[in-house]
Amino acid sequence: MSKDNTNKKFWERVAKVYNMTRDDDAYDVICESFAPYIDHNKKVLELACGTGQITFRMAQKSGSWEATDYSENMVAEAGKRSEGEASAKNICFCVQDATNLTYEEESFDVVVIANALHIMPDPDLAMKEIHRVLKKGGILFAPTFVYERGYTKWVIWLMERIGFKTYHRWQKDEFTEYVGERGFEVIESILVKEKPLPECVLVGRKL
């Protein structure tokens, strides 16, 4: 049996408690940066949705919102949270692999992928799929943890001891350059303080 190198087993284990570990204030700032790029005419695909930290804050602002994750347990927990949520009326939850999407080319106006590219063994595969399913001029919203000076190293060390794997330790400028070299014009890239890592809140436009 081949070794799992995608962090999937880790996310399957922590799905039930994941929502309790998130910094709501940080997500509020992140979503505030995203708000100008979304409206009721936009069809949105969210990759690595987790249990819906961005989903439930932003979906009601869109025309439709496809919330996906490759962890079945994460999708199940997000689905439970949606029960009785007025903001969930235009959300569809499903399991998708960001590196091998089932959608047709140029299907979406916006793609959201938060805090996932740095923990993928080959993020280029996801970037190619994102570029493929986005319409020309479409928006990529990719807030991503970055490893600026002073990040809380012991927390990352502890997470790695229990099965979490980081593959890319970009700093903000490195991540910005990475996205810009893969068919996107970076139109915004700001640093938001969060624990254990700061976050590069990046917005790009498909060229």
N, C-alpha and C. Protein backbone atom coordinates (compact mmCIF):
# COMPACT_ATOMS: atom_id res chain seq x y z
N MET A 1 0.85 -1.19 0.00
CA MET A 1 0.00 0.00 0.00
C MET A 1 0.89 1.24 0.00
N SER A 2 0.59 2.21 -0.87
CA SER A 2 1.40 3.41 -0.96
C SER A 2 1.15 4.31 0.23
N LYS A 3 2.18 5.02 0.65
CA LYS A 3 2.08 5.91 1.80
C LYS A 3 1.29 7.16 1.43
N ASP A 4 0.35 7.54 2.30
CA ASP A 4 -0.41 8.76 2.07
C ASP A 4 0.47 9.96 2.38
N ASN A 5 0.68 10.83 1.39
CA ASN A 5 1.51 12.02 1.61
C ASN A 5 0.71 13.29 1.38
N THR A 6 -0.61 13.23 1.57
CA THR A 6 -1.47 14.36 1.25
C THR A 6 -2.10 15.02 2.47
N ASN A 7 -1.77 14.57 3.68
CA ASN A 7 -2.37 15.08 4.91
C ASN A 7 -3.82 14.65 5.09
N LYS A 8 -4.36 13.84 4.18
CA LYS A 8 -5.79 13.52 4.25
C LYS A 8 -6.16 12.82 5.56
N LYS A 9 -5.35 11.87 5.99
CA LYS A 9 -5.67 11.15 7.22
C LYS A 9 -5.71 12.10 8.42
N PHE A 10 -4.83 13.09 8.42
CA PHE A 10 -4.82 14.08 9.49
C PHE A 10 -6.14 14.84 9.52
N TRP A 11 -6.60 15.32 8.36
CA TRP A 11 -7.84 16.09 8.31
C TRP A 11 -9.06 15.23 8.64
N GLU A 12 -9.03 13.97 8.25
CA GLU A 12 -10.14 13.08 8.59
C GLU A 12 -10.26 12.93 10.11
N ARG A 13 -9.10 12.91 10.80
CA ARG A 13 -9.10 12.73 12.26
C ARG A 13 -9.58 13.98 12.99
N VAL A 14 -9.21 15.15 12.49
CA VAL A 14 -9.48 16.38 13.25
C VAL A 14 -10.75 17.10 12.81
N ALA A 15 -11.47 16.56 11.85
CA ALA A 15 -12.63 17.27 11.29
C ALA A 15 -13.64 17.69 12.35
N LYS A 16 -13.92 16.82 13.32
CA LYS A 16 -14.96 17.11 14.31
C LYS A 16 -14.62 18.27 15.23
N VAL A 17 -13.32 18.53 15.41
CA VAL A 17 -12.92 19.62 16.32
C VAL A 17 -12.30 20.79 15.57
N TYR A 18 -12.18 20.69 14.26
CA TYR A 18 -11.45 21.69 13.49
C TYR A 18 -12.04 23.09 13.67
N ASN A 19 -13.34 23.21 13.67
CA ASN A 19 -13.97 24.52 13.74
C ASN A 19 -13.62 25.26 15.03
N MET A 20 -13.35 24.51 16.10
CA MET A 20 -13.03 25.13 17.38
C MET A 20 -11.62 25.69 17.43
N THR A 21 -10.79 25.35 16.46
CA THR A 21 -9.40 25.80 16.46
C THR A 21 -9.18 27.06 15.65
N ARG A 22 -10.20 27.55 14.97
CA ARG A 22 -10.03 28.66 14.06
C ARG A 22 -10.15 30.01 14.75
N ASP A 23 -9.42 30.99 14.23
CA ASP A 23 -9.40 32.35 14.77
C ASP A 23 -10.45 33.17 14.02
N ASP A 24 -11.60 33.40 14.66
CA ASP A 24 -12.70 34.09 13.98
C ASP A 24 -12.32 35.50 13.57
N ASP A 25 -11.56 36.21 14.40
CA ASP A 25 -11.17 37.58 14.06
C ASP A 25 -10.35 37.62 12.79
N ALA A 26 -9.43 36.67 12.65
CA ALA A 26 -8.60 36.62 11.45
C ALA A 26 -9.44 36.33 10.22
N TYR A 27 -10.40 35.40 10.34
CA TYR A 27 -11.25 35.10 9.20
C TYR A 27 -12.13 36.28 8.82
N ASP A 28 -12.54 37.07 9.80
CA ASP A 28 -13.32 38.27 9.49
C ASP A 28 -12.50 39.23 8.64
N VAL A 29 -11.23 39.41 8.98
CA VAL A 29 -10.35 40.30 8.21
C VAL A 29 -10.14 39.73 6.81
N ILE A 30 -9.90 38.43 6.73
CA ILE A 30 -9.68 37.77 5.44
C ILE A 30 -10.88 37.96 4.53
N CYS A 31 -12.08 37.73 5.05
CA CYS A 31 -13.28 37.83 4.24
C CYS A 31 -13.60 39.27 3.86
N GLU A 32 -13.23 40.21 4.70
CA GLU A 32 -13.40 41.62 4.37
C GLU A 32 -12.58 41.98 3.14
N SER A 33 -11.38 41.39 3.02
CA SER A 33 -10.54 41.63 1.85
C SER A 33 -11.13 41.02 0.59
N PHE A 34 -11.86 39.96 0.75
CA PHE A 34 -12.45 39.22 -0.36
C PHE A 34 -13.74 39.86 -0.88
N ALA A 35 -14.47 40.55 0.01
CA ALA A 35 -15.82 41.04 -0.30
C ALA A 35 -15.92 41.86 -1.59
N PRO A 36 -14.95 42.73 -1.92
CA PRO A 36 -15.11 43.54 -3.14
C PRO A 36 -15.11 42.72 -4.44
N TYR A 37 -14.68 41.47 -4.37
CA TYR A 37 -14.53 40.67 -5.59
C TYR A 37 -15.68 39.68 -5.82
N ILE A 38 -16.73 39.80 -5.03
CA ILE A 38 -17.81 38.83 -5.12
C ILE A 38 -19.16 39.54 -5.09
N ASP A 39 -20.12 39.05 -5.89
CA ASP A 39 -21.47 39.59 -5.87
C ASP A 39 -22.45 38.50 -6.32
N HIS A 40 -23.71 38.83 -6.41
CA HIS A 40 -24.75 37.84 -6.69
C HIS A 40 -24.75 37.34 -8.13
N ASN A 41 -23.88 37.89 -8.96
CA ASN A 41 -23.73 37.38 -10.32
C ASN A 41 -22.61 36.35 -10.44
N LYS A 42 -21.89 36.13 -9.35
CA LYS A 42 -20.70 35.29 -9.40
C LYS A 42 -20.99 33.84 -9.00
N LYS A 43 -20.44 32.93 -9.81
CA LYS A 43 -20.48 31.50 -9.49
C LYS A 43 -19.13 31.13 -8.89
N VAL A 44 -19.15 30.62 -7.66
CA VAL A 44 -17.92 30.43 -6.88
C VAL A 44 -17.66 28.96 -6.63
N LEU A 45 -16.40 28.58 -6.79
CA LEU A 45 -15.92 27.25 -6.38
C LEU A 45 -14.95 27.44 -5.23
N GLU A 46 -15.22 26.78 -4.12
CA GLU A 46 -14.29 26.79 -3.00
C GLU A 46 -13.63 25.43 -2.86
N LEU A 47 -12.31 25.42 -2.87
CA LEU A 47 -11.53 24.20 -2.67
C LEU A 47 -10.99 24.21 -1.24
N ALA A 48 -10.86 23.02 -0.65
CA ALA A 48 -10.36 22.90 0.73
C ALA A 48 -11.20 23.75 1.68
N CYS A 49 -12.51 23.56 1.62
CA CYS A 49 -13.43 24.39 2.40
C CYS A 49 -13.38 24.10 3.89
N GLY A 50 -12.78 22.97 4.29
CA GLY A 50 -12.78 22.62 5.70
C GLY A 50 -14.20 22.46 6.22
N THR A 51 -14.47 23.05 7.36
CA THR A 51 -15.82 22.98 7.91
C THR A 51 -16.61 24.26 7.67
N GLY A 52 -16.12 25.09 6.74
CA GLY A 52 -16.91 26.22 6.28
C GLY A 52 -16.57 27.57 6.87
N GLN A 53 -15.32 27.79 7.26
CA GLN A 53 -14.94 29.04 7.90
C GLN A 53 -15.16 30.24 6.96
N ILE A 54 -14.81 30.10 5.70
CA ILE A 54 -15.08 31.14 4.71
C ILE A 54 -16.46 30.95 4.10
N THR A 55 -16.84 29.71 3.89
CA THR A 55 -18.10 29.38 3.22
C THR A 55 -19.28 30.12 3.81
N PHE A 56 -19.50 29.97 5.10
CA PHE A 56 -20.70 30.53 5.73
C PHE A 56 -20.64 32.04 5.90
N ARG A 57 -19.45 32.60 5.85
CA ARG A 57 -19.32 34.06 5.91
C ARG A 57 -19.62 34.71 4.57
N MET A 58 -19.32 34.01 3.47
CA MET A 58 -19.32 34.67 2.17
C MET A 58 -20.33 34.15 1.15
N ALA A 59 -20.82 32.94 1.32
CA ALA A 59 -21.64 32.31 0.27
C ALA A 59 -22.88 33.12 -0.08
N GLN A 60 -23.49 33.76 0.92
CA GLN A 60 -24.72 34.50 0.66
C GLN A 60 -24.51 35.71 -0.23
N LYS A 61 -23.25 36.13 -0.39
CA LYS A 61 -22.94 37.26 -1.25
C LYS A 61 -22.81 36.85 -2.72
N SER A 62 -22.77 35.54 -2.98
CA SER A 62 -22.57 35.03 -4.34
C SER A 62 -23.89 34.60 -4.97
N GLY A 63 -23.82 34.28 -6.27
CA GLY A 63 -24.98 33.71 -6.94
C GLY A 63 -25.12 32.24 -6.58
N SER A 64 -24.00 31.52 -6.60
CA SER A 64 -23.97 30.11 -6.18
C SER A 64 -22.59 29.81 -5.65
N TRP A 65 -22.52 28.83 -4.74
CA TRP A 65 -21.25 28.52 -4.06
C TRP A 65 -21.11 27.00 -3.97
N GLU A 66 -20.09 26.49 -4.63
CA GLU A 66 -19.76 25.07 -4.59
C GLU A 66 -18.63 24.89 -3.60
N ALA A 67 -18.93 24.32 -2.43
CA ALA A 67 -17.94 24.16 -1.36
C ALA A 67 -17.42 22.73 -1.37
N THR A 68 -16.12 22.56 -1.57
CA THR A 68 -15.55 21.22 -1.72
C THR A 68 -14.33 21.03 -0.83
N ASP A 69 -14.07 19.78 -0.52
CA ASP A 69 -12.86 19.40 0.21
C ASP A 69 -12.56 17.95 -0.16
N TYR A 70 -11.31 17.55 -0.10
CA TYR A 70 -11.01 16.15 -0.41
C TYR A 70 -11.16 15.24 0.79
N SER A 71 -11.41 15.82 1.96
CA SER A 71 -11.69 15.04 3.17
C SER A 71 -13.20 14.85 3.29
N GLU A 72 -13.64 13.61 3.22
CA GLU A 72 -15.07 13.32 3.35
C GLU A 72 -15.60 13.79 4.71
N ASN A 73 -14.79 13.64 5.75
CA ASN A 73 -15.23 14.04 7.09
C ASN A 73 -15.39 15.56 7.21
N MET A 74 -14.50 16.31 6.58
CA MET A 74 -14.63 17.77 6.60
C MET A 74 -15.93 18.19 5.91
N VAL A 75 -16.20 17.61 4.76
CA VAL A 75 -17.43 17.94 4.03
C VAL A 75 -18.66 17.57 4.86
N ALA A 76 -18.60 16.43 5.53
CA ALA A 76 -19.72 16.00 6.37
C ALA A 76 -19.96 16.98 7.51
N GLU A 77 -18.88 17.45 8.16
CA GLU A 77 -19.01 18.41 9.26
C GLU A 77 -19.54 19.75 8.76
N ALA A 78 -19.08 20.18 7.60
CA ALA A 78 -19.59 21.42 7.01
C ALA A 78 -21.07 21.30 6.70
N GLY A 79 -21.47 20.13 6.19
CA GLY A 79 -22.87 19.89 5.92
C GLY A 79 -23.74 19.96 7.16
N LYS A 80 -23.22 19.43 8.27
CA LYS A 80 -23.96 19.51 9.54
C LYS A 80 -24.14 20.96 9.98
N ARG A 81 -23.09 21.75 9.81
CA ARG A 81 -23.17 23.15 10.21
C ARG A 81 -24.20 23.91 9.38
N SER A 82 -24.41 23.45 8.15
CA SER A 82 -25.32 24.16 7.24
C SER A 82 -26.79 23.96 7.59
N GLU A 83 -27.08 22.95 8.38
CA GLU A 83 -28.47 22.66 8.72
C GLU A 83 -29.08 23.81 9.52
N GLY A 84 -30.12 24.39 8.97
CA GLY A 84 -30.78 25.51 9.63
C GLY A 84 -30.11 26.85 9.42
N GLU A 85 -29.00 26.88 8.67
CA GLU A 85 -28.30 28.14 8.39
C GLU A 85 -28.94 28.84 7.21
N ALA A 86 -29.44 30.04 7.40
CA ALA A 86 -30.02 30.80 6.30
C ALA A 86 -28.98 31.09 5.22
N SER A 87 -27.72 31.26 5.65
CA SER A 87 -26.65 31.59 4.71
C SER A 87 -26.26 30.41 3.83
N ALA A 88 -26.84 29.23 4.10
CA ALA A 88 -26.44 28.03 3.37
C ALA A 88 -27.36 27.71 2.19
N LYS A 89 -28.34 28.56 1.92
CA LYS A 89 -29.36 28.22 0.93
C LYS A 89 -28.80 28.07 -0.49
N ASN A 90 -27.70 28.73 -0.82
CA ASN A 90 -27.14 28.62 -2.17
C ASN A 90 -25.82 27.85 -2.20
N ILE A 91 -25.56 27.05 -1.13
CA ILE A 91 -24.31 26.28 -1.04
C ILE A 91 -24.55 24.83 -1.41
N CYS A 92 -23.65 24.28 -2.22
CA CYS A 92 -23.65 22.85 -2.51
C CYS A 92 -22.33 22.29 -2.00
N PHE A 93 -22.40 21.30 -1.12
CA PHE A 93 -21.19 20.66 -0.58
C PHE A 93 -20.90 19.36 -1.33
N CYS A 94 -19.63 19.13 -1.66
CA CYS A 94 -19.26 17.86 -2.26
C CYS A 94 -17.77 17.59 -2.07
N VAL A 95 -17.38 16.35 -2.25
CA VAL A 95 -15.98 15.93 -2.15
C VAL A 95 -15.31 16.10 -3.51
N GLN A 96 -14.20 16.82 -3.53
CA GLN A 96 -13.42 17.01 -4.75
C GLN A 96 -11.94 17.02 -4.41
N ASP A 97 -11.14 16.52 -5.34
CA ASP A 97 -9.69 16.60 -5.26
C ASP A 97 -9.26 17.83 -6.04
N ALA A 98 -8.67 18.81 -5.38
CA ALA A 98 -8.29 20.06 -6.03
C ALA A 98 -7.29 19.87 -7.16
N THR A 99 -6.59 18.75 -7.17
CA THR A 99 -5.60 18.49 -8.22
C THR A 99 -6.20 17.71 -9.40
N ASN A 100 -7.46 17.36 -9.30
CA ASN A 100 -8.11 16.58 -10.37
C ASN A 100 -9.62 16.84 -10.33
N LEU A 101 -10.02 18.05 -10.68
CA LEU A 101 -11.41 18.47 -10.56
C LEU A 101 -12.28 17.87 -11.66
N THR A 102 -13.56 17.72 -11.36
CA THR A 102 -14.49 17.12 -12.32
C THR A 102 -15.26 18.16 -13.13
N TYR A 103 -14.98 19.44 -12.93
CA TYR A 103 -15.74 20.50 -13.60
C TYR A 103 -15.18 20.80 -14.99
N GLU A 104 -16.05 21.34 -15.83
CA GLU A 104 -15.64 21.71 -17.19
C GLU A 104 -14.80 22.98 -17.16
N GLU A 105 -14.10 23.23 -18.26
CA GLU A 105 -13.28 24.43 -18.38
C GLU A 105 -14.13 25.69 -18.27
N GLU A 106 -13.55 26.70 -17.64
CA GLU A 106 -14.16 28.03 -17.51
C GLU A 106 -15.57 27.95 -16.96
N SER A 107 -15.74 27.20 -15.87
CA SER A 107 -17.05 27.00 -15.25
C SER A 107 -17.36 28.02 -14.16
N PHE A 108 -16.33 28.70 -13.63
CA PHE A 108 -16.53 29.54 -12.44
C PHE A 108 -15.97 30.94 -12.63
N ASP A 109 -16.61 31.89 -11.95
CA ASP A 109 -16.14 33.28 -11.95
C ASP A 109 -15.08 33.50 -10.88
N VAL A 110 -15.15 32.72 -9.80
CA VAL A 110 -14.25 32.88 -8.66
C VAL A 110 -13.86 31.49 -8.15
N VAL A 111 -12.59 31.32 -7.81
CA VAL A 111 -12.13 30.13 -7.10
C VAL A 111 -11.49 30.57 -5.79
N VAL A 112 -11.91 29.93 -4.71
CA VAL A 112 -11.35 30.18 -3.38
C VAL A 112 -10.58 28.95 -2.94
N ILE A 113 -9.34 29.14 -2.50
CA ILE A 113 -8.58 28.04 -1.90
C ILE A 113 -7.79 28.62 -0.74
N ALA A 114 -8.21 28.32 0.48
CA ALA A 114 -7.63 28.93 1.67
C ALA A 114 -6.77 27.93 2.43
N ASN A 115 -5.54 28.33 2.71
CA ASN A 115 -4.65 27.58 3.60
C ASN A 115 -4.47 26.12 3.17
N ALA A 116 -4.25 25.93 1.88
CA ALA A 116 -4.13 24.57 1.37
C ALA A 116 -2.92 24.38 0.45
N LEU A 117 -2.58 25.36 -0.34
CA LEU A 117 -1.52 25.17 -1.33
C LEU A 117 -0.18 24.80 -0.69
N HIS A 118 0.11 25.35 0.48
CA HIS A 118 1.41 25.10 1.12
C HIS A 118 1.51 23.69 1.71
N ILE A 119 0.37 23.01 1.87
CA ILE A 119 0.42 21.65 2.43
C ILE A 119 0.14 20.59 1.37
N MET A 120 0.22 20.99 0.09
CA MET A 120 0.09 20.03 -1.00
C MET A 120 1.47 19.62 -1.49
N PRO A 121 1.70 18.32 -1.71
CA PRO A 121 3.00 17.90 -2.24
C PRO A 121 3.31 18.55 -3.58
N ASP A 122 2.29 18.72 -4.44
CA ASP A 122 2.48 19.32 -5.76
C ASP A 122 1.38 20.34 -6.02
N PRO A 123 1.52 21.56 -5.47
CA PRO A 123 0.48 22.57 -5.65
C PRO A 123 0.30 23.01 -7.10
N ASP A 124 1.32 22.76 -7.94
CA ASP A 124 1.18 23.11 -9.36
C ASP A 124 -0.02 22.42 -9.99
N LEU A 125 -0.30 21.19 -9.56
CA LEU A 125 -1.44 20.47 -10.11
C LEU A 125 -2.75 21.19 -9.78
N ALA A 126 -2.85 21.68 -8.55
CA ALA A 126 -4.05 22.43 -8.17
C ALA A 126 -4.11 23.76 -8.91
N MET A 127 -2.99 24.44 -9.06
CA MET A 127 -2.98 25.72 -9.76
C MET A 127 -3.41 25.55 -11.22
N LYS A 128 -3.00 24.48 -11.86
CA LYS A 128 -3.41 24.21 -13.24
C LYS A 128 -4.91 23.97 -13.33
N GLU A 129 -5.45 23.23 -12.36
CA GLU A 129 -6.89 22.96 -12.35
C GLU A 129 -7.68 24.23 -12.06
N ILE A 130 -7.19 25.04 -11.14
CA ILE A 130 -7.85 26.31 -10.84
C ILE A 130 -7.89 27.19 -12.09
N HIS A 131 -6.75 27.28 -12.77
CA HIS A 131 -6.67 28.09 -13.99
C HIS A 131 -7.62 27.54 -15.05
N ARG A 132 -7.74 26.24 -15.14
CA ARG A 132 -8.60 25.61 -16.15
C ARG A 132 -10.08 25.91 -15.91
N VAL A 133 -10.54 25.81 -14.67
CA VAL A 133 -11.97 25.95 -14.40
C VAL A 133 -12.42 27.40 -14.24
N LEU A 134 -11.47 28.33 -14.10
CA LEU A 134 -11.81 29.74 -14.01
C LEU A 134 -12.06 30.34 -15.39
N LYS A 135 -13.05 31.22 -15.47
CA LYS A 135 -13.26 31.98 -16.69
C LYS A 135 -12.11 32.98 -16.87
N LYS A 136 -11.86 33.39 -18.10
CA LYS A 136 -10.83 34.39 -18.34
C LYS A 136 -11.19 35.66 -17.58
N GLY A 137 -10.23 36.19 -16.86
CA GLY A 137 -10.49 37.36 -16.03
C GLY A 137 -11.09 37.02 -14.68
N GLY A 138 -11.30 35.71 -14.44
CA GLY A 138 -11.87 35.26 -13.17
C GLY A 138 -10.92 35.49 -12.01
N ILE A 139 -11.47 35.46 -10.80
CA ILE A 139 -10.73 35.81 -9.59
C ILE A 139 -10.31 34.57 -8.81
N LEU A 140 -9.04 34.53 -8.43
CA LEU A 140 -8.51 33.54 -7.50
C LEU A 140 -8.33 34.22 -6.15
N PHE A 141 -8.94 33.65 -5.13
CA PHE A 141 -8.76 34.15 -3.76
C PHE A 141 -8.05 33.06 -2.98
N ALA A 142 -6.79 33.33 -2.59
CA ALA A 142 -5.94 32.27 -2.03
C ALA A 142 -5.21 32.72 -0.77
N PRO A 143 -5.93 32.98 0.33
CA PRO A 143 -5.23 33.26 1.59
C PRO A 143 -4.44 32.03 2.03
N THR A 144 -3.18 32.23 2.36
CA THR A 144 -2.29 31.09 2.63
C THR A 144 -1.33 31.42 3.76
N PHE A 145 -1.18 30.48 4.69
CA PHE A 145 -0.22 30.68 5.77
C PHE A 145 1.19 30.80 5.20
N VAL A 146 1.94 31.74 5.73
CA VAL A 146 3.31 31.96 5.28
C VAL A 146 4.25 31.99 6.48
N TYR A 147 5.52 31.78 6.19
CA TYR A 147 6.51 31.58 7.26
C TYR A 147 7.42 32.79 7.36
N GLU A 148 6.83 33.90 7.78
CA GLU A 148 7.62 35.10 8.02
C GLU A 148 8.42 34.92 9.32
N ARG A 149 9.37 35.79 9.53
CA ARG A 149 10.18 35.73 10.76
C ARG A 149 9.28 35.84 11.99
N GLY A 150 9.58 35.03 12.99
CA GLY A 150 8.87 35.12 14.25
C GLY A 150 7.64 34.24 14.37
N TYR A 151 7.41 33.37 13.38
CA TYR A 151 6.24 32.49 13.51
C TYR A 151 6.46 31.48 14.65
N THR A 152 5.34 30.95 15.16
CA THR A 152 5.38 30.09 16.34
C THR A 152 5.82 28.68 15.96
N LYS A 153 7.12 28.43 16.02
CA LYS A 153 7.67 27.19 15.50
C LYS A 153 7.23 25.96 16.29
N TRP A 154 7.06 26.10 17.60
CA TRP A 154 6.75 24.91 18.41
C TRP A 154 5.38 24.35 18.07
N VAL A 155 4.42 25.21 17.67
CA VAL A 155 3.09 24.72 17.31
C VAL A 155 3.16 23.88 16.02
N ILE A 156 3.94 24.35 15.05
CA ILE A 156 4.11 23.60 13.81
C ILE A 156 4.81 22.28 14.10
N TRP A 157 5.82 22.32 14.95
CA TRP A 157 6.52 21.09 15.33
C TRP A 157 5.56 20.09 15.95
N LEU A 158 4.69 20.56 16.84
CA LEU A 158 3.73 19.68 17.50
C LEU A 158 2.75 19.09 16.49
N MET A 159 2.25 19.90 15.56
CA MET A 159 1.32 19.40 14.55
C MET A 159 1.97 18.33 13.68
N GLU A 160 3.24 18.53 13.37
CA GLU A 160 3.95 17.53 12.56
C GLU A 160 4.13 16.23 13.32
N ARG A 161 4.26 16.30 14.65
CA ARG A 161 4.41 15.09 15.44
C ARG A 161 3.13 14.24 15.42
N ILE A 162 1.96 14.89 15.22
CA ILE A 162 0.71 14.13 15.22
C ILE A 162 0.18 13.87 13.81
N GLY A 163 1.05 14.07 12.81
CA GLY A 163 0.70 13.63 11.47
C GLY A 163 0.49 14.69 10.42
N PHE A 164 0.64 15.97 10.76
CA PHE A 164 0.46 17.06 9.80
C PHE A 164 1.77 17.29 9.06
N LYS A 165 1.66 17.55 7.76
CA LYS A 165 2.86 17.74 6.95
C LYS A 165 2.79 19.04 6.17
N THR A 166 3.84 19.85 6.26
CA THR A 166 3.97 21.06 5.44
C THR A 166 5.01 20.81 4.36
N TYR A 167 4.65 21.13 3.12
CA TYR A 167 5.57 20.89 2.01
C TYR A 167 6.25 22.15 1.50
N HIS A 168 5.62 23.31 1.71
CA HIS A 168 6.16 24.55 1.16
C HIS A 168 6.09 25.65 2.21
N ARG A 169 7.25 26.15 2.61
CA ARG A 169 7.31 27.19 3.63
C ARG A 169 7.63 28.53 2.98
N TRP A 170 6.67 28.99 2.20
CA TRP A 170 6.84 30.26 1.51
C TRP A 170 6.79 31.43 2.49
N GLN A 171 7.54 32.47 2.18
CA GLN A 171 7.29 33.77 2.77
C GLN A 171 6.33 34.52 1.85
N LYS A 172 5.80 35.64 2.31
CA LYS A 172 4.77 36.36 1.56
C LYS A 172 5.22 36.67 0.13
N ASP A 173 6.39 37.23 -0.03
CA ASP A 173 6.85 37.63 -1.36
C ASP A 173 7.07 36.40 -2.25
N GLU A 174 7.53 35.31 -1.66
CA GLU A 174 7.74 34.08 -2.42
C GLU A 174 6.42 33.50 -2.92
N PHE A 175 5.41 33.51 -2.05
CA PHE A 175 4.11 32.99 -2.45
C PHE A 175 3.48 33.88 -3.52
N THR A 176 3.61 35.17 -3.37
CA THR A 176 3.08 36.11 -4.36
C THR A 176 3.72 35.86 -5.73
N GLU A 177 5.02 35.68 -5.74
CA GLU A 177 5.73 35.40 -6.98
C GLU A 177 5.28 34.06 -7.57
N TYR A 178 5.10 33.07 -6.71
CA TYR A 178 4.67 31.74 -7.16
C TYR A 178 3.36 31.82 -7.93
N VAL A 179 2.38 32.50 -7.37
CA VAL A 179 1.07 32.61 -8.03
C VAL A 179 1.19 33.42 -9.32
N GLY A 180 1.97 34.49 -9.28
CA GLY A 180 2.13 35.35 -10.45
C GLY A 180 2.79 34.66 -11.63
N GLU A 181 3.51 33.59 -11.36
CA GLU A 181 4.20 32.85 -12.44
C GLU A 181 3.34 31.73 -13.01
N ARG A 182 2.08 31.63 -12.57
CA ARG A 182 1.23 30.51 -12.99
C ARG A 182 -0.08 30.97 -13.63
N GLY A 183 0.04 32.03 -14.41
CA GLY A 183 -1.09 32.47 -15.22
C GLY A 183 -2.04 33.43 -14.54
N PHE A 184 -1.56 34.11 -13.48
CA PHE A 184 -2.41 35.04 -12.76
C PHE A 184 -1.71 36.38 -12.58
N GLU A 185 -2.49 37.44 -12.67
CA GLU A 185 -2.03 38.76 -12.27
C GLU A 185 -2.40 38.94 -10.81
N VAL A 186 -1.41 39.15 -9.96
CA VAL A 186 -1.68 39.37 -8.55
C VAL A 186 -2.13 40.81 -8.37
N ILE A 187 -3.37 41.00 -7.91
CA ILE A 187 -3.90 42.35 -7.76
C ILE A 187 -3.95 42.80 -6.30
N GLU A 188 -3.76 41.88 -5.39
CA GLU A 188 -3.68 42.23 -3.98
C GLU A 188 -2.93 41.14 -3.23
N SER A 189 -2.06 41.54 -2.31
CA SER A 189 -1.31 40.59 -1.50
C SER A 189 -0.94 41.29 -0.20
N ILE A 190 -1.69 40.96 0.87
CA ILE A 190 -1.46 41.62 2.15
C ILE A 190 -1.18 40.58 3.23
N LEU A 191 -0.52 41.02 4.29
CA LEU A 191 -0.17 40.12 5.38
C LEU A 191 -1.12 40.36 6.56
N VAL A 192 -1.73 39.28 7.04
CA VAL A 192 -2.64 39.34 8.18
C VAL A 192 -2.03 38.53 9.31
N LYS A 193 -1.97 39.11 10.51
CA LYS A 193 -1.41 38.41 11.65
C LYS A 193 -2.40 37.37 12.15
N GLU A 194 -1.92 36.16 12.33
CA GLU A 194 -2.73 35.07 12.86
C GLU A 194 -1.80 34.10 13.57
N LYS A 195 -2.34 33.26 14.42
CA LYS A 195 -1.54 32.26 15.13
C LYS A 195 -1.90 30.87 14.61
N PRO A 196 -0.93 29.96 14.44
CA PRO A 196 0.49 30.11 14.75
C PRO A 196 1.30 30.78 13.65
N LEU A 197 0.65 31.07 12.50
CA LEU A 197 1.35 31.64 11.36
C LEU A 197 0.62 32.87 10.84
N PRO A 198 1.37 33.85 10.32
CA PRO A 198 0.71 34.95 9.61
C PRO A 198 0.15 34.41 8.28
N GLU A 199 -0.72 35.21 7.68
CA GLU A 199 -1.39 34.75 6.47
C GLU A 199 -1.23 35.79 5.36
N CYS A 200 -0.86 35.30 4.19
CA CYS A 200 -0.80 36.14 3.00
C CYS A 200 -2.18 36.07 2.33
N VAL A 201 -2.91 37.17 2.36
CA VAL A 201 -4.23 37.21 1.73
C VAL A 201 -4.04 37.70 0.31
N LEU A 202 -4.11 36.77 -0.63
CA LEU A 202 -3.77 37.04 -2.02
C LEU A 202 -5.00 36.96 -2.92
N VAL A 203 -5.13 37.94 -3.78
CA VAL A 203 -6.17 37.96 -4.81
C VAL A 203 -5.48 38.04 -6.16
N GLY A 204 -5.84 37.14 -7.06
CA GLY A 204 -5.27 37.14 -8.40
C GLY A 204 -6.36 37.13 -9.46
N ARG A 205 -6.00 37.54 -10.67
CA ARG A 205 -6.93 37.52 -11.80
C ARG A 205 -6.35 36.64 -12.90
N LYS A 206 -7.15 35.73 -13.43
CA LYS A 206 -6.69 34.85 -14.49
C LYS A 206 -6.39 35.65 -15.76
N LEU A 207 -5.20 35.46 -16.28
CA LEU A 207 -4.79 36.15 -17.50
C LEU A 207 -5.33 35.43 -18.73
